[in-house]
Structure formats: C-alpha cells, structure tokens
Amino acid sequence: MSAHSQLNARLWADRPVLVWTVLVLAGALAIALGWYFRNGDTGNVGGMRGTDAATVFGVTLPDTTGRQQSIGQWKGKVLVVNFWATWCVPCRDEMPEFVKAQSEFGARGVQFVGIAVDDANKVRDFAAELGLNYPALIGGYGAIELSKSLGNRIGALPYTLFIDRAGRISRAHLGPLKPAELQSIIGQLI
C-alpha cells in the first residue's frame, strides 16, 4: 500500500463518526429524491402551471446542423419541450415514447422539441441512433439555467414542459414520464 493510500485509510479510520454521518446523509438524500420522483406532485414544478410561455417562445437555439431555430415557430401547437442530455439515462429511456407520441399526435398539432444539455456531435449521433423525429436543439450547459428559469429549481434532468395552444404552460414535470402519463397529458391538451 502506498504512503498516500495509507494516509487516506488512516484519515477515514480516525473519523468513523464523519464517515457514518456522510453515508447516512447521502442515503437520506437518495431516499428523499426517490420519494419525490415517485410520489411528489411534479405536475406543477416551480408553480409553472398557467404561466405564459413567452420566455420559452423567445428562445432561439441551433439544431444539430447549426441552423438557428426559434421555439416561437411552434406557437399555436401543443408544445412538449423536453430538457435532456445524452449522458442522462432516464432521459434516454423516455425518449422512444416521445418519438412514438410525435408520430401519433403530430398530425393533430402536437410538437415535441428537445433541448439538449450537450454538444451537437453527441446529440446528432444519438438522434440518428434513436430515429428522432422531432427537433433536437443544442442548449449546452446554459440549458440548465434556462430550465431553472422555467421552474426546474434543482436543475435536474429530464425536465419537460407542456404548453397549450394558447401559449400557457399547462404542466411542468421533473423526472422521467411514464408512457400512460404522457398519453394522458397530451390527450387533455389536444
């Protein structure tokens, strides 16, 4: 064992109370977050329900080809704006359902838009792999700040906004959406 490893082992051995405190706090946080995502009212995250979506419609970001896209171009549709990243496993898991819903409801005025907290190359590769059928805009790490301004208090992913045809945020959802929940929300808005 190296001198550095021995020193680290000795430091932790001399602080058993600290070690246990850190472990207990980490476990409590994990349990609280798990309960929140499973049972919490994520339908109105940050009190966004009924809020005018002017901030969202004012956003212009590049797509995977570098072409600037204004989210305002989809005003008047039922808009589902999803903040995600290629490294976010729950994001990747829910996206096939978004692809299916875009195919099913697109002709009825529903438009999904993904805002990636990622770089264009990774998003382009993942979009091709998934067969993404809706726009993926590149927000980079600034997209987290944008999502926070739209009710995502903790800056976690995935975060999804549902905007009605009148341009109001009807629902904000933190965490992955279950397929039945997604279908229900869209059904209420179309």
N, C-alpha and C. Protein backbone atom coordinates (compact mmCIF):
# COMPACT_ATOMS: atom_id res chain seq x y z
N MET A 1 0.86 -1.17 0.00
CA MET A 1 0.00 0.00 0.00
C MET A 1 0.91 1.23 0.00
N SER A 2 0.59 2.20 -0.88
CA SER A 2 1.40 3.40 -0.97
C SER A 2 1.20 4.29 0.25
N ALA A 3 2.11 5.22 0.42
CA ALA A 3 2.03 6.14 1.56
C ALA A 3 0.75 6.97 1.48
N HIS A 4 0.37 7.37 0.26
CA HIS A 4 -0.86 8.16 0.07
C HIS A 4 -2.09 7.34 0.46
N SER A 5 -2.15 6.08 0.06
CA SER A 5 -3.27 5.20 0.40
C SER A 5 -3.34 4.96 1.89
N GLN A 6 -2.15 4.77 2.51
CA GLN A 6 -2.12 4.57 3.96
C GLN A 6 -2.63 5.80 4.70
N LEU A 7 -2.24 7.00 4.22
CA LEU A 7 -2.69 8.24 4.86
C LEU A 7 -4.21 8.38 4.73
N ASN A 8 -4.76 8.12 3.53
CA ASN A 8 -6.22 8.20 3.34
C ASN A 8 -6.95 7.21 4.22
N ALA A 9 -6.44 5.97 4.31
CA ALA A 9 -7.06 4.95 5.14
C ALA A 9 -7.04 5.37 6.61
N ARG A 10 -5.92 5.94 7.05
CA ARG A 10 -5.79 6.38 8.43
C ARG A 10 -6.74 7.54 8.73
N LEU A 11 -6.86 8.49 7.78
CA LEU A 11 -7.76 9.63 7.97
C LEU A 11 -9.20 9.18 8.15
N TRP A 12 -9.64 8.22 7.29
CA TRP A 12 -11.01 7.75 7.40
C TRP A 12 -11.19 6.88 8.64
N ALA A 13 -10.18 6.11 9.01
CA ALA A 13 -10.27 5.27 10.20
C ALA A 13 -10.36 6.11 11.46
N ASP A 14 -9.71 7.27 11.45
CA ASP A 14 -9.73 8.15 12.62
C ASP A 14 -11.03 8.95 12.72
N ARG A 15 -11.88 8.87 11.70
CA ARG A 15 -13.12 9.67 11.69
C ARG A 15 -14.34 8.80 11.40
N PRO A 16 -14.59 7.77 12.18
CA PRO A 16 -15.72 6.90 11.89
C PRO A 16 -17.06 7.64 11.97
N VAL A 17 -17.17 8.59 12.88
CA VAL A 17 -18.42 9.34 13.01
C VAL A 17 -18.67 10.15 11.73
N LEU A 18 -17.62 10.77 11.20
CA LEU A 18 -17.75 11.54 9.97
C LEU A 18 -18.16 10.65 8.81
N VAL A 19 -17.53 9.49 8.70
CA VAL A 19 -17.85 8.55 7.63
C VAL A 19 -19.32 8.14 7.71
N TRP A 20 -19.77 7.76 8.91
CA TRP A 20 -21.15 7.33 9.06
C TRP A 20 -22.13 8.48 8.82
N THR A 21 -21.76 9.66 9.24
CA THR A 21 -22.62 10.82 9.02
C THR A 21 -22.80 11.09 7.53
N VAL A 22 -21.69 11.06 6.79
CA VAL A 22 -21.75 11.27 5.35
C VAL A 22 -22.61 10.20 4.70
N LEU A 23 -22.43 8.94 5.07
CA LEU A 23 -23.21 7.85 4.49
C LEU A 23 -24.69 7.97 4.81
N VAL A 24 -25.02 8.32 6.05
CA VAL A 24 -26.42 8.48 6.45
C VAL A 24 -27.07 9.64 5.69
N LEU A 25 -26.37 10.77 5.59
CA LEU A 25 -26.92 11.92 4.87
C LEU A 25 -27.11 11.61 3.38
N ALA A 26 -26.16 10.92 2.78
CA ALA A 26 -26.29 10.54 1.37
C ALA A 26 -27.47 9.60 1.18
N GLY A 27 -27.62 8.66 2.07
CA GLY A 27 -28.76 7.74 1.99
C GLY A 27 -30.09 8.45 2.17
N ALA A 28 -30.16 9.38 3.12
CA ALA A 28 -31.40 10.14 3.34
C ALA A 28 -31.75 10.97 2.12
N LEU A 29 -30.74 11.59 1.51
CA LEU A 29 -30.98 12.38 0.30
C LEU A 29 -31.48 11.49 -0.83
N ALA A 30 -30.89 10.34 -1.00
CA ALA A 30 -31.32 9.40 -2.05
C ALA A 30 -32.76 8.96 -1.82
N ILE A 31 -33.11 8.67 -0.58
CA ILE A 31 -34.49 8.26 -0.27
C ILE A 31 -35.47 9.40 -0.54
N ALA A 32 -35.10 10.61 -0.12
CA ALA A 32 -35.99 11.77 -0.33
C ALA A 32 -36.20 12.05 -1.81
N LEU A 33 -35.13 12.01 -2.59
CA LEU A 33 -35.26 12.24 -4.02
C LEU A 33 -36.06 11.13 -4.69
N GLY A 34 -35.84 9.90 -4.27
CA GLY A 34 -36.63 8.79 -4.81
C GLY A 34 -38.10 8.94 -4.50
N TRP A 35 -38.44 9.33 -3.26
CA TRP A 35 -39.83 9.55 -2.90
C TRP A 35 -40.41 10.68 -3.73
N TYR A 36 -39.66 11.77 -3.87
CA TYR A 36 -40.16 12.93 -4.62
C TYR A 36 -40.47 12.55 -6.06
N PHE A 37 -39.55 11.85 -6.72
CA PHE A 37 -39.77 11.48 -8.11
C PHE A 37 -40.88 10.45 -8.26
N ARG A 38 -41.08 9.62 -7.25
CA ARG A 38 -42.10 8.59 -7.35
C ARG A 38 -43.46 9.10 -6.90
N ASN A 39 -43.51 9.95 -5.85
CA ASN A 39 -44.78 10.34 -5.26
C ASN A 39 -45.07 11.83 -5.27
N GLY A 40 -44.07 12.63 -5.50
CA GLY A 40 -44.26 14.07 -5.40
C GLY A 40 -45.12 14.62 -6.52
N ASP A 41 -45.70 15.79 -6.29
CA ASP A 41 -46.51 16.46 -7.32
C ASP A 41 -45.57 17.18 -8.26
N THR A 42 -45.12 16.48 -9.28
CA THR A 42 -44.23 17.10 -10.24
C THR A 42 -45.00 17.77 -11.37
N GLY A 43 -46.33 17.71 -11.32
CA GLY A 43 -47.14 18.30 -12.38
C GLY A 43 -47.12 19.81 -12.38
N ASN A 44 -46.74 20.41 -11.29
CA ASN A 44 -46.70 21.86 -11.22
C ASN A 44 -45.38 22.30 -10.62
N VAL A 45 -44.30 21.73 -11.08
CA VAL A 45 -42.98 22.04 -10.57
C VAL A 45 -42.73 23.53 -10.65
N GLY A 46 -42.30 24.10 -9.56
CA GLY A 46 -41.95 25.52 -9.54
C GLY A 46 -43.14 26.45 -9.75
N GLY A 47 -44.36 25.96 -9.59
CA GLY A 47 -45.54 26.80 -9.74
C GLY A 47 -45.71 27.32 -11.17
N MET A 48 -45.32 26.53 -12.16
CA MET A 48 -45.35 27.00 -13.56
C MET A 48 -46.72 26.86 -14.20
N ARG A 49 -47.63 26.07 -13.64
CA ARG A 49 -48.92 25.83 -14.28
C ARG A 49 -49.65 27.15 -14.51
N GLY A 50 -50.12 27.35 -15.74
CA GLY A 50 -50.86 28.55 -16.09
C GLY A 50 -50.00 29.75 -16.44
N THR A 51 -48.69 29.60 -16.36
CA THR A 51 -47.77 30.70 -16.65
C THR A 51 -47.65 30.89 -18.16
N ASP A 52 -47.60 32.13 -18.59
CA ASP A 52 -47.39 32.45 -20.00
C ASP A 52 -46.03 31.90 -20.42
N ALA A 53 -45.99 31.29 -21.58
CA ALA A 53 -44.76 30.64 -22.06
C ALA A 53 -43.92 31.57 -22.94
N ALA A 54 -44.08 32.90 -22.78
CA ALA A 54 -43.34 33.85 -23.62
C ALA A 54 -41.84 33.63 -23.54
N THR A 55 -41.32 33.29 -22.37
CA THR A 55 -39.89 33.03 -22.23
C THR A 55 -39.46 31.87 -23.13
N VAL A 56 -40.26 30.81 -23.15
CA VAL A 56 -39.93 29.66 -23.97
C VAL A 56 -39.98 30.05 -25.45
N PHE A 57 -41.03 30.76 -25.85
CA PHE A 57 -41.19 31.12 -27.26
C PHE A 57 -40.13 32.12 -27.72
N GLY A 58 -39.49 32.80 -26.79
CA GLY A 58 -38.43 33.74 -27.13
C GLY A 58 -37.06 33.11 -27.31
N VAL A 59 -36.95 31.82 -27.06
CA VAL A 59 -35.66 31.12 -27.14
C VAL A 59 -35.36 30.72 -28.58
N THR A 60 -34.13 31.00 -29.01
CA THR A 60 -33.62 30.54 -30.30
C THR A 60 -32.32 29.81 -30.05
N LEU A 61 -32.24 28.58 -30.53
CA LEU A 61 -31.06 27.74 -30.33
C LEU A 61 -30.72 27.03 -31.64
N PRO A 62 -29.46 26.62 -31.79
CA PRO A 62 -29.10 25.88 -33.01
C PRO A 62 -29.60 24.44 -32.93
N ASP A 63 -29.92 23.88 -34.09
CA ASP A 63 -30.24 22.45 -34.15
C ASP A 63 -28.93 21.69 -34.37
N THR A 64 -29.02 20.42 -34.65
CA THR A 64 -27.80 19.60 -34.77
C THR A 64 -26.98 19.93 -36.01
N THR A 65 -27.56 20.68 -36.95
CA THR A 65 -26.81 21.10 -38.15
C THR A 65 -26.24 22.50 -37.99
N GLY A 66 -26.55 23.15 -36.86
CA GLY A 66 -26.07 24.51 -36.63
C GLY A 66 -27.05 25.59 -37.05
N ARG A 67 -28.18 25.19 -37.64
CA ARG A 67 -29.19 26.15 -38.08
C ARG A 67 -29.98 26.66 -36.88
N GLN A 68 -30.12 27.97 -36.74
CA GLN A 68 -30.85 28.57 -35.63
C GLN A 68 -32.35 28.29 -35.76
N GLN A 69 -32.95 27.84 -34.66
CA GLN A 69 -34.38 27.53 -34.63
C GLN A 69 -35.04 28.28 -33.48
N SER A 70 -36.07 29.04 -33.80
CA SER A 70 -36.84 29.74 -32.78
C SER A 70 -37.96 28.82 -32.29
N ILE A 71 -38.08 28.66 -31.00
CA ILE A 71 -39.17 27.85 -30.47
C ILE A 71 -40.51 28.51 -30.77
N GLY A 72 -40.50 29.83 -30.96
CA GLY A 72 -41.72 30.55 -31.30
C GLY A 72 -42.36 30.09 -32.59
N GLN A 73 -41.62 29.42 -33.45
CA GLN A 73 -42.21 28.93 -34.71
C GLN A 73 -43.29 27.89 -34.48
N TRP A 74 -43.34 27.30 -33.27
CA TRP A 74 -44.34 26.29 -32.97
C TRP A 74 -45.48 26.83 -32.11
N LYS A 75 -45.55 28.16 -31.94
CA LYS A 75 -46.63 28.75 -31.17
C LYS A 75 -47.96 28.40 -31.83
N GLY A 76 -48.95 28.08 -31.02
CA GLY A 76 -50.26 27.69 -31.52
C GLY A 76 -50.45 26.18 -31.56
N LYS A 77 -49.37 25.45 -31.35
CA LYS A 77 -49.44 23.99 -31.26
C LYS A 77 -49.40 23.58 -29.79
N VAL A 78 -49.75 22.34 -29.52
CA VAL A 78 -49.48 21.77 -28.21
C VAL A 78 -47.99 21.44 -28.25
N LEU A 79 -47.24 22.11 -27.42
CA LEU A 79 -45.79 22.01 -27.46
C LEU A 79 -45.26 21.26 -26.24
N VAL A 80 -44.44 20.26 -26.48
CA VAL A 80 -43.81 19.49 -25.41
C VAL A 80 -42.31 19.78 -25.51
N VAL A 81 -41.80 20.52 -24.54
CA VAL A 81 -40.38 20.91 -24.53
C VAL A 81 -39.68 20.08 -23.47
N ASN A 82 -38.71 19.29 -23.91
CA ASN A 82 -38.03 18.36 -23.03
C ASN A 82 -36.54 18.73 -22.93
N PHE A 83 -36.08 19.01 -21.71
CA PHE A 83 -34.66 19.26 -21.43
C PHE A 83 -34.03 17.91 -21.12
N TRP A 84 -32.95 17.58 -21.82
CA TRP A 84 -32.36 16.25 -21.70
C TRP A 84 -30.87 16.30 -22.03
N ALA A 85 -30.21 15.16 -21.89
CA ALA A 85 -28.80 15.02 -22.26
C ALA A 85 -28.53 13.58 -22.65
N THR A 86 -27.54 13.38 -23.50
CA THR A 86 -27.20 12.02 -23.94
C THR A 86 -26.65 11.19 -22.79
N TRP A 87 -26.06 11.82 -21.78
CA TRP A 87 -25.48 11.11 -20.65
C TRP A 87 -26.51 10.83 -19.55
N CYS A 88 -27.74 11.31 -19.73
CA CYS A 88 -28.81 11.14 -18.74
C CYS A 88 -29.61 9.89 -19.07
N VAL A 89 -29.44 8.83 -18.30
CA VAL A 89 -30.09 7.55 -18.58
C VAL A 89 -31.62 7.67 -18.55
N PRO A 90 -32.23 8.33 -17.55
CA PRO A 90 -33.70 8.46 -17.58
C PRO A 90 -34.18 9.24 -18.81
N CYS A 91 -33.38 10.20 -19.26
CA CYS A 91 -33.73 10.96 -20.47
C CYS A 91 -33.78 10.02 -21.67
N ARG A 92 -32.74 9.25 -21.81
CA ARG A 92 -32.63 8.33 -22.95
C ARG A 92 -33.74 7.29 -22.91
N ASP A 93 -34.12 6.86 -21.70
CA ASP A 93 -35.15 5.83 -21.55
C ASP A 93 -36.53 6.33 -21.97
N GLU A 94 -36.84 7.61 -21.71
CA GLU A 94 -38.18 8.11 -22.04
C GLU A 94 -38.31 8.59 -23.49
N MET A 95 -37.22 8.84 -24.16
CA MET A 95 -37.27 9.43 -25.50
C MET A 95 -37.94 8.54 -26.56
N PRO A 96 -37.82 7.22 -26.52
CA PRO A 96 -38.57 6.43 -27.50
C PRO A 96 -40.09 6.65 -27.41
N GLU A 97 -40.58 6.91 -26.20
CA GLU A 97 -42.02 7.21 -26.04
C GLU A 97 -42.35 8.56 -26.67
N PHE A 98 -41.41 9.51 -26.60
CA PHE A 98 -41.63 10.80 -27.24
C PHE A 98 -41.68 10.65 -28.75
N VAL A 99 -40.81 9.81 -29.28
CA VAL A 99 -40.80 9.55 -30.72
C VAL A 99 -42.15 8.96 -31.14
N LYS A 100 -42.65 7.97 -30.38
CA LYS A 100 -43.95 7.36 -30.68
C LYS A 100 -45.07 8.39 -30.59
N ALA A 101 -45.05 9.21 -29.55
CA ALA A 101 -46.10 10.22 -29.37
C ALA A 101 -46.05 11.27 -30.47
N GLN A 102 -44.86 11.66 -30.93
CA GLN A 102 -44.76 12.63 -32.02
C GLN A 102 -45.38 12.05 -33.28
N SER A 103 -45.13 10.78 -33.55
CA SER A 103 -45.73 10.11 -34.71
C SER A 103 -47.25 10.04 -34.58
N GLU A 104 -47.71 9.70 -33.39
CA GLU A 104 -49.14 9.51 -33.17
C GLU A 104 -49.92 10.82 -33.16
N PHE A 105 -49.37 11.87 -32.55
CA PHE A 105 -50.12 13.10 -32.34
C PHE A 105 -49.68 14.29 -33.19
N GLY A 106 -48.59 14.15 -33.93
CA GLY A 106 -48.08 15.27 -34.72
C GLY A 106 -49.10 15.86 -35.67
N ALA A 107 -49.86 15.00 -36.33
CA ALA A 107 -50.87 15.48 -37.29
C ALA A 107 -52.02 16.21 -36.59
N ARG A 108 -52.12 16.04 -35.28
CA ARG A 108 -53.17 16.71 -34.51
C ARG A 108 -52.65 17.97 -33.82
N GLY A 109 -51.50 18.44 -34.25
CA GLY A 109 -50.99 19.71 -33.74
C GLY A 109 -50.09 19.62 -32.53
N VAL A 110 -49.51 18.47 -32.28
CA VAL A 110 -48.58 18.30 -31.16
C VAL A 110 -47.16 18.36 -31.71
N GLN A 111 -46.30 19.13 -31.05
CA GLN A 111 -44.91 19.23 -31.48
C GLN A 111 -43.98 19.04 -30.28
N PHE A 112 -43.13 18.03 -30.36
CA PHE A 112 -42.09 17.82 -29.36
C PHE A 112 -40.86 18.60 -29.80
N VAL A 113 -40.14 19.16 -28.84
CA VAL A 113 -38.87 19.83 -29.08
C VAL A 113 -37.94 19.43 -27.94
N GLY A 114 -36.78 18.91 -28.28
CA GLY A 114 -35.79 18.56 -27.26
C GLY A 114 -34.75 19.66 -27.16
N ILE A 115 -34.42 20.04 -25.93
CA ILE A 115 -33.32 20.98 -25.71
C ILE A 115 -32.24 20.21 -24.97
N ALA A 116 -31.15 19.97 -25.67
CA ALA A 116 -30.08 19.12 -25.15
C ALA A 116 -29.06 19.92 -24.35
N VAL A 117 -28.75 19.39 -23.19
CA VAL A 117 -27.68 19.92 -22.35
C VAL A 117 -26.44 19.11 -22.74
N ASP A 118 -25.96 19.39 -23.94
CA ASP A 118 -24.95 18.53 -24.54
C ASP A 118 -24.34 19.24 -25.73
N ASP A 119 -23.40 18.57 -26.42
CA ASP A 119 -22.84 19.19 -27.62
C ASP A 119 -23.45 18.54 -28.86
N ALA A 120 -23.38 19.25 -29.98
CA ALA A 120 -24.07 18.88 -31.21
C ALA A 120 -23.68 17.50 -31.73
N ASN A 121 -22.41 17.14 -31.67
CA ASN A 121 -21.98 15.85 -32.20
C ASN A 121 -22.62 14.68 -31.46
N LYS A 122 -22.63 14.75 -30.13
CA LYS A 122 -23.23 13.68 -29.34
C LYS A 122 -24.73 13.60 -29.59
N VAL A 123 -25.37 14.76 -29.67
CA VAL A 123 -26.82 14.80 -29.91
C VAL A 123 -27.13 14.25 -31.30
N ARG A 124 -26.37 14.65 -32.29
CA ARG A 124 -26.59 14.18 -33.66
C ARG A 124 -26.46 12.65 -33.74
N ASP A 125 -25.43 12.10 -33.11
CA ASP A 125 -25.23 10.65 -33.12
C ASP A 125 -26.38 9.92 -32.42
N PHE A 126 -26.77 10.44 -31.26
CA PHE A 126 -27.86 9.79 -30.51
C PHE A 126 -29.18 9.91 -31.28
N ALA A 127 -29.44 11.07 -31.87
CA ALA A 127 -30.68 11.27 -32.64
C ALA A 127 -30.77 10.29 -33.80
N ALA A 128 -29.65 10.06 -34.47
CA ALA A 128 -29.63 9.10 -35.59
C ALA A 128 -29.86 7.68 -35.07
N GLU A 129 -29.23 7.34 -33.97
CA GLU A 129 -29.37 6.01 -33.38
C GLU A 129 -30.83 5.75 -32.97
N LEU A 130 -31.48 6.77 -32.41
CA LEU A 130 -32.85 6.63 -31.90
C LEU A 130 -33.89 6.78 -33.01
N GLY A 131 -33.55 7.44 -34.10
CA GLY A 131 -34.55 7.75 -35.12
C GLY A 131 -35.42 8.90 -34.68
N LEU A 132 -34.79 9.91 -34.06
CA LEU A 132 -35.52 11.05 -33.51
C LEU A 132 -36.31 11.75 -34.63
N ASN A 133 -37.60 11.95 -34.41
CA ASN A 133 -38.48 12.53 -35.41
C ASN A 133 -38.99 13.91 -35.02
N TYR A 134 -38.31 14.55 -34.12
CA TYR A 134 -38.64 15.92 -33.72
C TYR A 134 -37.34 16.69 -33.52
N PRO A 135 -37.41 18.02 -33.52
CA PRO A 135 -36.18 18.83 -33.43
C PRO A 135 -35.43 18.63 -32.12
N ALA A 136 -34.12 18.51 -32.25
CA ALA A 136 -33.22 18.48 -31.09
C ALA A 136 -32.37 19.74 -31.18
N LEU A 137 -32.59 20.65 -30.24
CA LEU A 137 -31.85 21.90 -30.21
C LEU A 137 -30.72 21.79 -29.21
N ILE A 138 -29.65 22.49 -29.48
CA ILE A 138 -28.45 22.39 -28.65
C ILE A 138 -28.39 23.58 -27.69
N GLY A 139 -28.62 23.30 -26.43
CA GLY A 139 -28.60 24.35 -25.42
C GLY A 139 -27.31 24.40 -24.62
N GLY A 140 -26.50 23.33 -24.72
CA GLY A 140 -25.29 23.27 -23.91
C GLY A 140 -25.65 23.36 -22.43
N TYR A 141 -24.67 23.72 -21.62
CA TYR A 141 -24.94 23.80 -20.18
C TYR A 141 -25.78 25.01 -19.81
N GLY A 142 -25.92 25.97 -20.72
CA GLY A 142 -26.82 27.10 -20.49
C GLY A 142 -28.27 26.67 -20.44
N ALA A 143 -28.58 25.50 -21.01
CA ALA A 143 -29.95 25.00 -20.99
C ALA A 143 -30.40 24.68 -19.56
N ILE A 144 -29.48 24.31 -18.69
CA ILE A 144 -29.85 24.07 -17.29
C ILE A 144 -30.36 25.37 -16.67
N GLU A 145 -29.67 26.47 -16.92
CA GLU A 145 -30.12 27.76 -16.38
C GLU A 145 -31.48 28.14 -16.96
N LEU A 146 -31.67 27.88 -18.25
CA LEU A 146 -32.97 28.15 -18.87
C LEU A 146 -34.05 27.32 -18.19
N SER A 147 -33.78 26.03 -17.97
CA SER A 147 -34.78 25.18 -17.32
C SER A 147 -35.07 25.66 -15.90
N LYS A 148 -34.06 26.17 -15.20
CA LYS A 148 -34.28 26.71 -13.85
C LYS A 148 -35.21 27.92 -13.90
N SER A 149 -35.04 28.77 -14.92
CA SER A 149 -35.90 29.95 -15.05
C SER A 149 -37.34 29.54 -15.39
N LEU A 150 -37.51 28.29 -15.80
CA LEU A 150 -38.82 27.77 -16.16
C LEU A 150 -39.35 26.77 -15.12
N GLY A 151 -38.87 26.89 -13.88
CA GLY A 151 -39.42 26.10 -12.78
C GLY A 151 -38.62 24.91 -12.32
N ASN A 152 -37.54 24.57 -12.98
CA ASN A 152 -36.72 23.42 -12.61
C ASN A 152 -35.75 23.85 -11.51
N ARG A 153 -36.26 23.98 -10.29
CA ARG A 153 -35.48 24.56 -9.18
C ARG A 153 -34.14 23.88 -8.93
N ILE A 154 -34.09 22.56 -9.07
CA ILE A 154 -32.84 21.86 -8.74
C ILE A 154 -31.96 21.60 -9.96
N GLY A 155 -32.44 21.96 -11.14
CA GLY A 155 -31.62 21.79 -12.34
C GLY A 155 -31.39 20.35 -12.74
N ALA A 156 -32.34 19.47 -12.41
CA ALA A 156 -32.21 18.05 -12.73
C ALA A 156 -32.80 17.75 -14.10
N LEU A 157 -32.42 16.61 -14.64
CA LEU A 157 -32.93 16.14 -15.93
C LEU A 157 -33.51 14.75 -15.75
N PRO A 158 -34.47 14.40 -16.59
CA PRO A 158 -35.15 15.20 -17.59
C PRO A 158 -36.16 16.15 -16.96
N TYR A 159 -36.45 17.21 -17.69
CA TYR A 159 -37.44 18.20 -17.27
C TYR A 159 -38.28 18.54 -18.50
N THR A 160 -39.59 18.43 -18.35
CA THR A 160 -40.48 18.57 -19.50
C THR A 160 -41.58 19.58 -19.22
N LEU A 161 -41.78 20.48 -20.18
CA LEU A 161 -42.87 21.45 -20.12
C LEU A 161 -43.92 21.10 -21.16
N PHE A 162 -45.18 21.24 -20.79
CA PHE A 162 -46.29 21.06 -21.71
C PHE A 162 -46.95 22.42 -21.86
N ILE A 163 -47.01 22.91 -23.09
CA ILE A 163 -47.56 24.24 -23.37
C ILE A 163 -48.79 24.05 -24.24
N ASP A 164 -49.90 24.68 -23.82
CA ASP A 164 -51.14 24.52 -24.57
C ASP A 164 -51.16 25.43 -25.80
N ARG A 165 -52.20 25.31 -26.60
CA ARG A 165 -52.30 26.07 -27.84
C ARG A 165 -52.39 27.58 -27.61
N ALA A 166 -52.84 27.97 -26.43
CA ALA A 166 -52.96 29.39 -26.10
C ALA A 166 -51.63 29.97 -25.62
N GLY A 167 -50.59 29.15 -25.52
CA GLY A 167 -49.28 29.64 -25.12
C GLY A 167 -49.06 29.71 -23.62
N ARG A 168 -49.78 28.88 -22.87
CA ARG A 168 -49.60 28.81 -21.42
C ARG A 168 -48.97 27.47 -21.04
N ILE A 169 -48.10 27.51 -20.06
CA ILE A 169 -47.53 26.27 -19.55
C ILE A 169 -48.62 25.58 -18.75
N SER A 170 -49.04 24.42 -19.21
CA SER A 170 -50.12 23.71 -18.53
C SER A 170 -49.59 22.71 -17.51
N ARG A 171 -48.35 22.32 -17.70
CA ARG A 171 -47.76 21.33 -16.79
C ARG A 171 -46.24 21.38 -16.93
N ALA A 172 -45.57 21.18 -15.82
CA ALA A 172 -44.11 21.04 -15.79
C ALA A 172 -43.82 19.75 -15.04
N HIS A 173 -42.94 18.94 -15.58
CA HIS A 173 -42.68 17.62 -14.99
C HIS A 173 -41.18 17.40 -14.84
N LEU A 174 -40.75 17.14 -13.62
CA LEU A 174 -39.36 16.84 -13.33
C LEU A 174 -39.21 15.33 -13.18
N GLY A 175 -38.29 14.76 -13.92
CA GLY A 175 -38.08 13.31 -13.88
C GLY A 175 -38.70 12.66 -15.10
N PRO A 176 -38.45 11.37 -15.26
CA PRO A 176 -38.96 10.68 -16.45
C PRO A 176 -40.49 10.54 -16.40
N LEU A 177 -41.11 10.63 -17.56
CA LEU A 177 -42.55 10.46 -17.69
C LEU A 177 -42.87 9.01 -18.01
N LYS A 178 -43.89 8.48 -17.37
CA LYS A 178 -44.37 7.14 -17.70
C LYS A 178 -45.22 7.25 -18.97
N PRO A 179 -45.21 6.24 -19.82
CA PRO A 179 -45.96 6.30 -21.07
C PRO A 179 -47.43 6.67 -20.90
N ALA A 180 -48.11 6.06 -19.93
CA ALA A 180 -49.54 6.35 -19.72
C ALA A 180 -49.75 7.80 -19.30
N GLU A 181 -48.83 8.32 -18.50
CA GLU A 181 -48.92 9.71 -18.05
C GLU A 181 -48.74 10.66 -19.23
N LEU A 182 -47.77 10.38 -20.09
CA LEU A 182 -47.53 11.19 -21.27
C LEU A 182 -48.78 11.21 -22.15
N GLN A 183 -49.34 10.05 -22.41
CA GLN A 183 -50.54 9.94 -23.25
C GLN A 183 -51.70 10.74 -22.64
N SER A 184 -51.85 10.64 -21.33
CA SER A 184 -52.94 11.33 -20.64
C SER A 184 -52.80 12.86 -20.74
N ILE A 185 -51.60 13.35 -20.49
CA ILE A 185 -51.36 14.80 -20.55
C ILE A 185 -51.63 15.32 -21.96
N ILE A 186 -51.09 14.65 -22.95
CA ILE A 186 -51.30 15.09 -24.33
C ILE A 186 -52.79 15.01 -24.68
N GLY A 187 -53.45 13.94 -24.26
CA GLY A 187 -54.88 13.79 -24.52
C GLY A 187 -55.71 14.93 -23.96
N GLN A 188 -55.30 15.46 -22.81
CA GLN A 188 -56.02 16.58 -22.20
C GLN A 188 -55.78 17.89 -22.94
N LEU A 189 -54.68 17.98 -23.67
CA LEU A 189 -54.32 19.24 -24.33
C LEU A 189 -54.75 19.34 -25.80
N ILE A 190 -55.01 18.20 -26.43
CA ILE A 190 -55.37 18.28 -27.86
C ILE A 190 -56.86 18.45 -28.08
